[in-house]
Amino acid sequence: MTAQSWQLTWGDALIGTLTREGVDMFWTDCRFEPASAWETVRPLFEASRDAWRRDDEEAALAADQAIYEAELVLVPDDGGAPITEFLLRISEQTARFRS
C-alpha cells in the first residue's frame, strides 16, 4: 500500500510534497519534501512557526491568515479533489494540516 501524499502548489508552482505519516485528532502529520518554489513561501511558514513558539497569538494568527491568503492548494496524488481550505504548518521536514 502506497502512503497518501499531496502536492502543495501555488498557482503552477510546486512548493513541495506532503506524505502522510499519521493522524493526530484533526491534524494529518506528514513528511515534507520541498520543491524549487519552496523558498518563495518559506518566510510565511517561518513567521507562523516563530510566532507560535513565542506564544504571540496575535502575530501567529496574522501569519496563518497570510498563508491562507496565499491561496495554496493541496492536490492529492490519488486523483482526489484538490483541497483549498486548510490550515497548514511546515517546519523543516515535517508538516501538518487540517482541512
Protein backbone atom coordinates (compact mmCIF):
# COMPACT_ATOMS: atom_id res chain seq x y z
CA MET A 1 0.00 0.00 0.00
CA THR A 2 1.35 3.40 -1.00
CA ALA A 3 1.39 6.23 1.51
CA GLN A 4 -1.10 9.01 0.85
CA SER A 5 0.53 12.20 -0.39
CA TRP A 6 -0.33 15.67 -1.63
CA GLN A 7 1.43 18.14 -3.89
CA LEU A 8 1.45 21.61 -2.34
CA THR A 9 1.07 24.11 -5.15
CA TRP A 10 0.92 27.85 -5.59
CA GLY A 11 -0.55 28.62 -8.97
CA ASP A 12 1.50 26.48 -11.38
CA ALA A 13 4.47 26.28 -8.98
CA LEU A 14 5.20 23.16 -6.95
CA ILE A 15 6.04 24.13 -3.37
CA GLY A 16 6.63 20.59 -2.12
CA THR A 17 5.19 17.17 -1.36
CA LEU A 18 3.50 16.12 1.87
CA THR A 19 3.42 12.39 2.64
CA ARG A 20 1.14 11.22 5.41
CA GLU A 21 2.86 9.65 8.39
CA GLY A 22 -0.04 9.68 10.84
CA VAL A 23 -3.16 11.37 12.11
CA ASP A 24 -3.46 13.20 15.43
CA MET A 25 -7.07 14.14 16.18
CA PHE A 26 -7.95 16.67 13.45
CA TRP A 27 -4.41 17.03 12.09
CA THR A 28 -2.71 14.97 9.39
CA ASP A 29 1.01 14.64 10.18
CA CYS A 30 3.31 14.47 7.16
CA ARG A 31 6.88 14.37 5.97
CA PHE A 32 7.61 17.46 3.87
CA GLU A 33 9.86 17.38 0.82
CA PRO A 34 10.42 20.91 -0.51
CA ALA A 35 10.48 21.65 -4.22
CA SER A 36 12.14 24.54 -6.03
CA ALA A 37 9.34 27.05 -5.29
CA TRP A 38 9.51 26.43 -1.50
CA GLU A 39 11.77 29.43 -0.95
CA THR A 40 9.07 31.78 -2.27
CA VAL A 41 6.66 30.92 0.57
CA ARG A 42 9.07 29.75 3.26
CA PRO A 43 9.02 33.14 5.10
CA LEU A 44 5.25 32.80 5.61
CA PHE A 45 5.65 29.48 7.40
CA GLU A 46 8.66 30.65 9.41
CA ALA A 47 6.68 33.67 10.63
CA SER A 48 3.85 31.42 11.78
CA ARG A 49 6.17 28.90 13.46
CA ASP A 50 8.16 31.60 15.25
CA ALA A 51 5.07 33.44 16.48
CA TRP A 52 3.52 30.24 17.88
CA ARG A 53 6.81 29.32 19.58
CA ARG A 54 6.98 32.64 21.38
CA ASP A 55 3.27 32.45 22.32
CA ASP A 56 2.39 35.58 20.33
CA GLU A 57 -1.13 34.54 19.36
CA GLU A 58 -1.93 37.77 17.52
CA ALA A 59 1.15 37.50 15.31
CA ALA A 60 0.61 33.77 14.83
CA LEU A 61 -2.97 34.22 13.67
CA ALA A 62 -1.89 37.01 11.33
CA ALA A 63 0.82 34.76 9.89
CA ASP A 64 -1.66 31.91 9.45
CA GLN A 65 -4.01 34.31 7.68
CA ALA A 66 -1.19 35.34 5.33
CA ILE A 67 -0.60 31.67 4.48
CA TYR A 68 -4.31 31.22 3.81
CA GLU A 69 -4.41 34.32 1.63
CA ALA A 70 -1.55 32.97 -0.49
CA GLU A 71 -4.16 30.57 -1.94
CA LEU A 72 -2.02 27.45 -1.73
CA VAL A 73 -3.63 24.20 -2.86
CA LEU A 74 -3.09 20.60 -1.73
CA VAL A 75 -3.51 18.26 -4.70
CA PRO A 76 -3.90 14.59 -3.70
CA ASP A 77 -1.69 12.18 -5.65
CA ASP A 78 -4.59 9.71 -5.81
CA GLY A 79 -6.56 11.99 -8.14
CA GLY A 80 -8.99 13.22 -5.50
CA ALA A 81 -10.38 16.73 -5.39
CA PRO A 82 -7.87 19.49 -4.59
CA ILE A 83 -8.05 20.88 -1.07
CA THR A 84 -8.23 24.68 -0.95
CA GLU A 85 -9.47 25.29 2.59
CA PHE A 86 -6.91 24.13 5.17
CA LEU A 87 -4.61 25.16 7.98
CA LEU A 88 -1.00 24.17 7.33
CA ARG A 89 2.16 24.19 9.40
CA ILE A 90 5.58 23.38 7.94
CA SER A 91 8.81 23.21 9.92
CA GLU A 92 11.95 21.70 8.43
CA GLN A 93 10.96 18.28 7.04
CA THR A 94 7.67 17.99 8.90
CA ALA A 95 4.25 19.33 8.08
CA ARG A 96 0.79 19.01 9.46
CA PHE A 97 -2.52 20.17 8.12
CA ARG A 98 -6.20 20.12 8.90
CA SER A 99 -8.98 20.73 6.45
